[in-house]
Amino acid sequence: MEEKIDLGLPGANWENRVVVAMSGGVDSSVTAALVAEAGYEVVGITLQLYDHGSAIQRKGACCAGADIHDARLVAEKIGIPHYVLDYESKFRESVMEEFADSYARGETPIPCIRCNQTVKFRDLLQTAKQLGAKALCTGHYVQRAMGKSGLELRKGIDQKKDQSYFLFATTSDQLEYLRFPLGGLTKGETRRHANRIGLNVADKPDSQDICFVPNGKYADIVKRLRPDAVDPGEIVDMDGSVIGKHDGIVNFTVGQRKGLGIGGRSSLVEPGATDPLYVVAVNPVERRVVVGPRSALGRNLLKVSEINWLGDNPISSSGEKLMIKLRSTQEPISGTLFSDGSDNGKVVLDELEFGVAIGQAAVFYSRDDSARVLGGGWMIETSLH
């Protein structure tokens, strides 16, 4: 039985061309197949994002050479044209360079969000429009729905696969053009469609690594792009006393406990025992990593930049009460968002949160409707309120 996909276009026919972003994985492949089955004129586009010569056989990443081959086979199977576009320079400038700069500043970046924000939903979207497409479809597990005041971005129904955290920067204008056919499916249903259609990627594992980081060794990428970030330095306690050495701040992130190589500290509660130490700050100027007890990690005031707001009304001058995700795998926590009238603001959490890292995203959800995404921003400073 064919899955009829409603893309919210005037009609499913061969006059309605849509572009499908095909990464070579099962999600984007099923997206292309379902949209083609529904009667749309589908054009598949795969982006070459980096020099994939050394990554052709690497498993667990997206956009490698083998993935381009898989996308081509899927396109042949479902009978649609397929093109590979060289976006390497765009990707390097917008994602890889920013990734390295962020680590050099002592931050913890999320390159997948930057990729969606720039290369995919800015550059590829523009290319799709130039091709005369009525929409750009992707295999993300999120939903686009019409609400009382207009289009809304909502979580995918599969809570384990929901990708709304990574798409918080999607603007209202982009949402007008984007479509997410898998948002109402579970991952299991997606794989069943792949088997029904006979796609070669039906059992292909999900990508795990950052696509341009071989074997998950991101320090190697940063070292090549920003050598200063791997200069050695000191590990100090909160009083500034040197208690160890390190081989580069790129190897540390706030909240980290393992891999410090310095052991713990004498317990204040249990004589003869030791309490673990955590990274509480990274100082890129002095190349110092500051460690301390878990209690020193508590934060409830977050300064955020580049806020993308998807609410029905402007952010209230008295603050907007929200649910907030500070990590992709975390349950949302409650807090209040205050705006300075531009795209900057602050979030005051109702309770202390531990291990909040600068460079990560704060993503906003409605208190009244937990599935609705209200936007988000990038954390640039954390403190106690």
Protein backbone atom coordinates (compact mmCIF):
# COMPACT_ATOMS: atom_id res chain seq x y z
CA MET A 1 0.00 0.00 0.00
CA GLU A 2 1.39 3.37 -1.01
CA GLU A 3 1.77 6.12 1.59
CA LYS A 4 0.04 9.24 0.33
CA ILE A 5 1.99 12.30 1.38
CA ASP A 6 0.29 15.69 1.60
CA LEU A 7 2.91 18.40 1.17
CA GLY A 8 0.45 21.23 1.47
CA LEU A 9 0.89 22.19 -2.19
CA PRO A 10 -1.95 23.00 -4.62
CA GLY A 11 -2.01 19.40 -5.80
CA ALA A 12 0.10 16.28 -6.13
CA ASN A 13 0.92 16.28 -9.82
CA TRP A 14 3.86 16.43 -12.17
CA GLU A 15 3.59 20.20 -12.42
CA ASN A 16 4.54 20.51 -8.76
CA ARG A 17 8.29 19.99 -8.67
CA VAL A 18 9.90 19.44 -5.28
CA VAL A 19 13.54 19.00 -4.36
CA VAL A 20 14.44 16.30 -1.84
CA ALA A 21 17.74 16.56 0.03
CA MET A 22 19.20 13.04 -0.21
CA SER A 23 22.06 12.24 2.17
CA GLY A 24 22.23 8.56 1.23
CA GLY A 25 20.60 7.40 4.46
CA VAL A 26 17.30 5.58 4.92
CA ASP A 27 15.37 8.66 6.10
CA SER A 28 16.02 10.92 3.14
CA SER A 29 15.72 7.97 0.75
CA VAL A 30 12.25 7.06 2.03
CA THR A 31 11.30 10.74 1.92
CA ALA A 32 12.14 10.86 -1.79
CA ALA A 33 10.31 7.60 -2.48
CA LEU A 34 7.13 8.57 -0.63
CA VAL A 35 6.96 11.99 -2.27
CA ALA A 36 7.44 10.39 -5.69
CA GLU A 37 4.72 7.84 -4.91
CA ALA A 38 2.38 10.67 -4.03
CA GLY A 39 2.69 12.01 -7.58
CA TYR A 40 5.07 14.93 -7.29
CA GLU A 41 7.90 15.64 -9.70
CA VAL A 42 10.89 14.85 -7.48
CA VAL A 43 14.45 16.04 -8.00
CA GLY A 44 16.98 14.44 -5.66
CA ILE A 45 20.00 16.48 -4.64
CA THR A 46 22.98 15.23 -2.66
CA LEU A 47 25.53 17.68 -1.32
CA GLN A 48 29.24 16.98 -1.40
CA LEU A 49 30.22 18.84 1.74
CA TYR A 50 33.88 17.97 2.26
CA ASP A 51 36.78 16.10 0.73
CA HIS A 52 35.42 12.62 1.14
CA GLY A 53 38.35 10.74 -0.37
CA SER A 54 39.53 9.39 2.97
CA ALA A 55 36.00 8.83 4.20
CA ILE A 56 34.51 6.78 1.35
CA GLN A 57 34.50 3.54 3.31
CA ARG A 58 33.96 5.08 6.75
CA LYS A 59 30.84 3.87 8.51
CA GLY A 60 28.70 5.88 10.89
CA ALA A 61 28.92 9.25 9.14
CA CYS A 62 26.72 11.05 6.65
CA CYS A 63 27.64 12.67 3.34
CA ALA A 64 30.66 10.41 2.74
CA GLY A 65 31.45 9.04 -0.72
CA ALA A 66 29.60 5.75 -0.12
CA ASP A 67 26.51 7.76 0.84
CA ILE A 68 26.56 9.64 -2.46
CA HIS A 69 26.65 6.27 -4.22
CA ASP A 70 23.73 5.00 -2.11
CA ALA A 71 21.67 8.11 -2.90
CA ARG A 72 22.31 7.60 -6.62
CA LEU A 73 21.12 3.96 -6.41
CA VAL A 74 17.96 5.01 -4.59
CA ALA A 75 17.21 7.65 -7.20
CA GLU A 76 17.60 5.05 -9.97
CA LYS A 77 15.32 2.63 -8.10
CA ILE A 78 12.46 5.13 -7.72
CA GLY A 79 13.01 6.71 -11.12
CA ILE A 80 13.91 10.31 -10.29
CA PRO A 81 16.74 12.55 -11.51
CA HIS A 82 19.62 12.90 -9.07
CA TYR A 83 22.32 15.54 -8.88
CA VAL A 84 25.41 15.94 -6.71
CA LEU A 85 26.26 19.55 -5.93
CA ASP A 86 29.69 20.66 -4.75
CA TYR A 87 29.04 22.68 -1.58
CA GLU A 88 32.48 22.04 -0.14
CA SER A 89 33.54 25.70 0.04
CA LYS A 90 30.18 26.77 1.52
CA PHE A 91 30.37 24.00 4.11
CA ARG A 92 33.94 24.77 5.06
CA GLU A 93 33.20 28.46 5.56
CA SER A 94 29.84 28.16 7.32
CA VAL A 95 30.34 24.98 9.36
CA MET A 96 33.92 23.70 9.62
CA GLU A 97 35.61 27.06 10.16
CA GLU A 98 32.98 28.06 12.72
CA PHE A 99 33.37 24.68 14.44
CA ALA A 100 37.12 25.22 14.81
CA ASP A 101 36.73 28.86 15.90
CA SER A 102 34.21 27.86 18.55
CA TYR A 103 36.55 25.29 20.09
CA ALA A 104 39.41 27.81 19.97
CA ARG A 105 37.21 30.16 22.02
CA GLY A 106 36.75 27.47 24.65
CA GLU A 107 33.19 26.68 23.57
CA THR A 108 31.40 23.44 22.72
CA PRO A 109 29.84 23.81 19.26
CA ILE A 110 27.04 21.86 17.55
CA PRO A 111 27.99 21.81 13.86
CA CYS A 112 24.86 19.88 12.80
CA ILE A 113 22.70 22.86 13.77
CA ARG A 114 24.95 25.27 11.87
CA CYS A 115 24.77 22.99 8.83
CA ASN A 116 20.96 23.01 8.88
CA GLN A 117 20.93 26.76 9.52
CA THR A 118 23.28 27.68 6.69
CA VAL A 119 24.21 25.13 4.04
CA LYS A 120 20.89 23.25 3.95
CA PHE A 121 18.16 25.74 4.84
CA ARG A 122 19.86 28.78 3.32
CA ASP A 123 22.05 27.68 0.40
CA LEU A 124 20.26 24.50 -0.70
CA LEU A 125 16.88 26.13 -0.20
CA GLN A 126 17.90 28.93 -2.55
CA THR A 127 19.12 26.39 -5.10
CA ALA A 128 15.78 24.57 -4.91
CA LYS A 129 13.96 27.80 -5.66
CA GLN A 130 16.25 28.48 -8.61
CA LEU A 131 15.28 25.05 -9.97
CA GLY A 132 11.63 26.09 -9.89
CA ALA A 133 10.71 23.74 -7.05
CA LYS A 134 7.59 24.46 -5.02
CA ALA A 135 9.16 23.01 -1.86
CA LEU A 136 12.31 21.53 -0.34
CA CYS A 137 11.73 18.21 1.45
CA THR A 138 14.10 16.69 4.01
CA GLY A 139 14.10 13.49 6.06
CA HIS A 140 14.08 15.21 9.45
CA TYR A 141 11.79 13.93 12.18
CA VAL A 142 9.92 17.17 12.85
CA GLN A 143 6.50 18.41 11.86
CA ARG A 144 5.29 21.53 10.08
CA ALA A 145 1.68 22.28 10.93
CA MET A 146 -0.81 25.10 10.51
CA GLY A 147 -1.76 26.63 13.85
CA LYS A 148 -4.22 29.33 14.86
CA SER A 149 -1.78 32.12 13.94
CA GLY A 150 0.11 30.48 11.08
CA LEU A 151 2.68 27.78 10.47
CA GLU A 152 4.26 26.08 13.47
CA LEU A 153 7.35 23.92 13.90
CA ARG A 154 6.56 20.88 16.03
CA LYS A 155 8.33 17.81 17.37
CA GLY A 156 8.27 14.59 15.39
CA ILE A 157 5.85 12.03 16.79
CA ASP A 158 8.71 9.57 17.39
CA GLN A 159 10.12 10.97 20.62
CA LYS A 160 13.30 8.92 20.30
CA LYS A 161 14.05 10.36 16.86
CA ASP A 162 12.66 13.89 17.25
CA GLN A 163 15.14 16.38 15.72
CA SER A 164 13.49 19.65 16.67
CA TYR A 165 16.45 20.62 18.88
CA PHE A 166 18.67 20.67 15.80
CA LEU A 167 16.22 22.76 13.76
CA PHE A 168 15.47 25.57 16.21
CA ALA A 169 17.05 28.13 13.87
CA THR A 170 14.52 27.44 11.09
CA THR A 171 12.84 30.77 10.35
CA SER A 172 9.18 31.40 9.61
CA ASP A 173 10.04 32.25 5.99
CA GLN A 174 11.97 29.01 5.58
CA LEU A 175 9.12 27.07 7.15
CA GLU A 176 6.85 28.32 4.37
CA TYR A 177 9.00 26.46 1.83
CA LEU A 178 10.20 23.41 3.78
CA ARG A 179 8.38 20.09 4.11
CA PHE A 180 9.11 17.19 6.50
CA PRO A 181 7.24 14.08 5.28
CA LEU A 182 8.63 11.79 8.03
CA GLY A 183 7.49 13.95 10.95
CA GLY A 184 4.37 11.86 11.43
CA LEU A 185 6.17 8.50 11.18
CA THR A 186 8.21 6.45 13.59
CA LYS A 187 11.66 5.21 12.62
CA GLY A 188 10.27 1.68 12.46
CA GLU A 189 7.61 2.78 9.98
CA THR A 190 10.27 4.48 7.87
CA ARG A 191 12.32 1.29 7.66
CA ARG A 192 9.21 -0.73 6.80
CA HIS A 193 8.55 1.63 3.88
CA ALA A 194 12.16 1.20 2.76
CA ASN A 195 11.73 -2.58 2.74
CA ARG A 196 8.37 -2.35 0.99
CA ILE A 197 9.83 -0.20 -1.77
CA GLY A 198 12.96 -2.34 -1.99
CA LEU A 199 15.53 0.33 -1.23
CA ASN A 200 19.16 -0.73 -0.85
CA VAL A 201 19.47 1.38 2.32
CA ALA A 202 16.57 -0.24 4.21
CA ASP A 203 18.86 -1.66 6.91
CA LYS A 204 21.58 0.98 6.76
CA PRO A 205 22.61 2.16 10.26
CA ASP A 206 21.95 5.75 11.30
CA SER A 207 24.87 8.16 11.10
CA GLN A 208 26.55 8.68 14.47
CA ASP A 209 29.58 10.91 13.98
CA ILE A 210 29.93 14.50 12.92
CA CYS A 211 30.23 13.97 9.17
CA PHE A 212 33.57 15.74 8.65
CA VAL A 213 35.29 14.32 11.75
CA PRO A 214 37.05 11.02 10.95
CA ASN A 215 36.53 8.44 13.70
CA GLY A 216 35.09 11.08 16.03
CA LYS A 217 38.50 12.68 16.59
CA TYR A 218 37.39 16.31 16.35
CA ALA A 219 40.66 17.55 17.90
CA ASP A 220 42.43 16.50 14.70
CA ILE A 221 40.18 18.78 12.63
CA VAL A 222 40.62 21.69 15.02
CA LYS A 223 44.40 21.18 15.07
CA ARG A 224 44.51 21.42 11.29
CA LEU A 225 42.28 24.50 11.08
CA ARG A 226 43.24 26.30 14.32
CA PRO A 227 46.62 25.03 15.62
CA ASP A 228 46.58 27.39 18.64
CA ALA A 229 43.64 25.50 20.10
CA VAL A 230 45.86 22.50 20.79
CA ASP A 231 48.69 24.36 22.50
CA PRO A 232 49.51 22.82 25.90
CA GLY A 233 48.50 24.57 29.09
CA GLU A 234 47.67 24.20 32.78
CA ILE A 235 44.85 22.58 34.69
CA VAL A 236 44.06 24.68 37.76
CA ASP A 237 41.67 24.48 40.66
CA MET A 238 39.19 27.22 41.45
CA ASP A 239 41.80 29.07 43.53
CA GLY A 240 44.18 29.16 40.57
CA SER A 241 46.62 26.57 41.89
CA VAL A 242 48.18 24.44 39.17
CA ILE A 243 47.29 20.75 39.62
CA GLY A 244 48.07 19.36 36.18
CA LYS A 245 48.91 19.90 32.53
CA HIS A 246 46.89 19.43 29.33
CA ASP A 247 47.57 19.05 25.61
CA GLY A 248 45.06 21.63 24.36
CA ILE A 249 41.77 23.20 25.46
CA VAL A 250 40.06 21.54 22.50
CA ASN A 251 40.03 18.32 24.53
CA PHE A 252 37.84 19.76 27.29
CA THR A 253 34.27 20.90 27.73
CA VAL A 254 32.36 22.27 30.71
CA GLY A 255 30.89 19.46 32.80
CA GLN A 256 33.51 16.93 31.71
CA ARG A 257 34.62 14.49 34.38
CA LYS A 258 36.52 11.73 32.61
CA GLY A 259 39.87 12.07 30.91
CA LEU A 260 41.26 14.87 33.10
CA GLY A 261 44.17 12.78 34.31
CA ILE A 262 44.29 14.44 37.73
CA GLY A 263 42.17 12.21 39.95
CA GLY A 264 39.79 13.72 42.50
CA ARG A 265 40.13 15.82 45.63
CA SER A 266 39.96 14.91 49.29
CA SER A 267 36.36 14.44 50.33
CA LEU A 268 34.91 16.94 52.78
CA VAL A 269 32.27 14.41 53.80
CA GLU A 270 33.97 11.02 53.93
CA PRO A 271 37.51 10.95 55.42
CA GLY A 272 40.02 9.10 53.27
CA ALA A 273 37.80 9.26 50.19
CA THR A 274 38.01 11.54 47.15
CA ASP A 275 35.33 13.54 45.37
CA PRO A 276 35.45 13.76 41.57
CA LEU A 277 36.53 16.94 39.80
CA TYR A 278 34.76 18.45 36.81
CA VAL A 279 35.69 21.03 34.20
CA VAL A 280 33.95 24.22 35.33
CA ALA A 281 35.52 26.67 32.87
CA VAL A 282 37.84 26.83 29.85
CA ASN A 283 40.04 29.94 29.48
CA PRO A 284 41.30 30.14 25.88
CA VAL A 285 43.37 33.30 26.45
CA GLU A 286 45.48 31.77 29.22
CA ARG A 287 45.04 28.23 27.85
CA ARG A 288 43.82 27.13 31.26
CA VAL A 289 41.28 24.50 32.19
CA VAL A 290 39.59 25.21 35.53
CA VAL A 291 38.28 22.26 37.55
CA GLY A 292 36.17 22.01 40.67
CA PRO A 293 33.41 20.07 42.43
CA ARG A 294 30.05 19.40 40.78
CA SER A 295 28.45 22.10 42.93
CA ALA A 296 30.55 24.71 41.11
CA LEU A 297 28.80 23.81 37.83
CA GLY A 298 25.39 25.10 38.90
CA ARG A 299 23.96 27.83 36.63
CA ASN A 300 20.54 29.41 36.26
CA LEU A 301 21.24 32.52 34.14
CA LEU A 302 22.04 32.06 30.47
CA LYS A 303 22.83 34.82 28.01
CA VAL A 304 21.76 33.84 24.48
CA SER A 305 22.43 35.32 21.06
CA GLU A 306 20.96 34.88 17.57
CA ILE A 307 17.50 34.20 18.98
CA ASN A 308 15.10 32.77 16.42
CA TRP A 309 11.56 33.32 17.72
CA LEU A 310 8.66 31.29 16.31
CA GLY A 311 5.97 32.36 18.76
CA ASP A 312 2.64 33.83 17.70
CA ASN A 313 3.43 37.16 19.36
CA PRO A 314 6.63 39.06 20.16
CA ILE A 315 8.43 38.07 23.34
CA SER A 316 6.67 39.76 26.25
CA SER A 317 8.49 42.64 27.94
CA SER A 318 7.82 40.92 31.26
CA GLY A 319 9.41 37.71 30.02
CA GLU A 320 8.14 34.59 28.29
CA LYS A 321 7.67 31.48 30.42
CA LEU A 322 8.94 28.46 28.49
CA MET A 323 10.26 24.95 28.59
CA ILE A 324 13.92 24.86 27.55
CA LYS A 325 16.22 22.14 26.23
CA LEU A 326 19.93 22.72 26.86
CA ARG A 327 21.05 19.39 25.35
CA SER A 328 19.51 17.33 22.58
CA THR A 329 18.95 14.31 24.85
CA GLN A 330 17.72 16.28 27.87
CA GLU A 331 14.13 16.64 28.99
CA PRO A 332 13.01 20.29 28.77
CA ILE A 333 13.26 22.33 31.97
CA SER A 334 11.26 25.42 32.94
CA GLY A 335 12.48 29.00 32.77
CA THR A 336 11.75 32.50 31.51
CA LEU A 337 13.09 34.17 28.38
CA PHE A 338 13.79 37.91 28.35
CA SER A 339 14.61 39.78 25.14
CA ASP A 340 16.58 43.01 24.76
CA GLY A 341 14.54 43.93 21.70
CA SER A 342 17.04 42.53 19.20
CA ASP A 343 18.08 38.92 18.67
CA ASN A 344 19.85 38.74 22.03
CA GLY A 345 18.43 38.02 25.45
CA LYS A 346 18.72 35.96 28.61
CA VAL A 347 17.09 32.91 30.11
CA VAL A 348 16.46 32.58 33.85
CA LEU A 349 15.98 28.96 34.83
CA ASP A 350 13.62 28.01 37.63
CA GLU A 351 16.24 25.65 39.07
CA LEU A 352 20.00 25.23 38.84
CA GLU A 353 21.29 23.28 35.86
CA PHE A 354 24.72 21.60 35.98
CA GLY A 355 27.28 21.36 33.19
CA VAL A 356 25.84 23.99 30.86
CA ALA A 357 28.42 24.70 28.13
CA ILE A 358 28.85 27.91 26.15
CA GLY A 359 28.40 27.31 22.43
CA GLN A 360 25.49 24.93 22.93
CA ALA A 361 21.89 25.75 22.03
CA ALA A 362 19.00 26.70 24.29
CA VAL A 363 15.87 25.55 22.48
CA PHE A 364 12.44 26.83 23.50
CA TYR A 365 9.20 24.85 23.72
CA SER A 366 5.71 25.91 24.76
CA ARG A 367 4.60 25.25 28.33
CA ASP A 368 1.02 24.75 27.16
CA ASP A 369 1.85 22.54 24.17
CA SER A 370 5.00 20.49 24.71
CA ALA A 371 5.27 19.53 21.03
CA ARG A 372 5.47 23.10 19.78
CA VAL A 373 8.91 24.61 19.11
CA LEU A 374 9.11 28.34 19.87
CA GLY A 375 12.67 28.83 18.63
CA GLY A 376 15.96 29.07 20.43
CA GLY A 377 19.35 30.74 20.65
CA TRP A 378 23.06 30.12 21.23
CA MET A 379 24.41 30.28 24.77
CA ILE A 380 27.26 32.81 25.00
CA GLU A 381 27.57 33.21 28.79
CA THR A 382 26.36 31.39 31.91
CA SER A 383 26.26 32.49 35.55
CA LEU A 384 24.22 32.46 38.76
CA HIS A 385 21.20 34.72 38.96
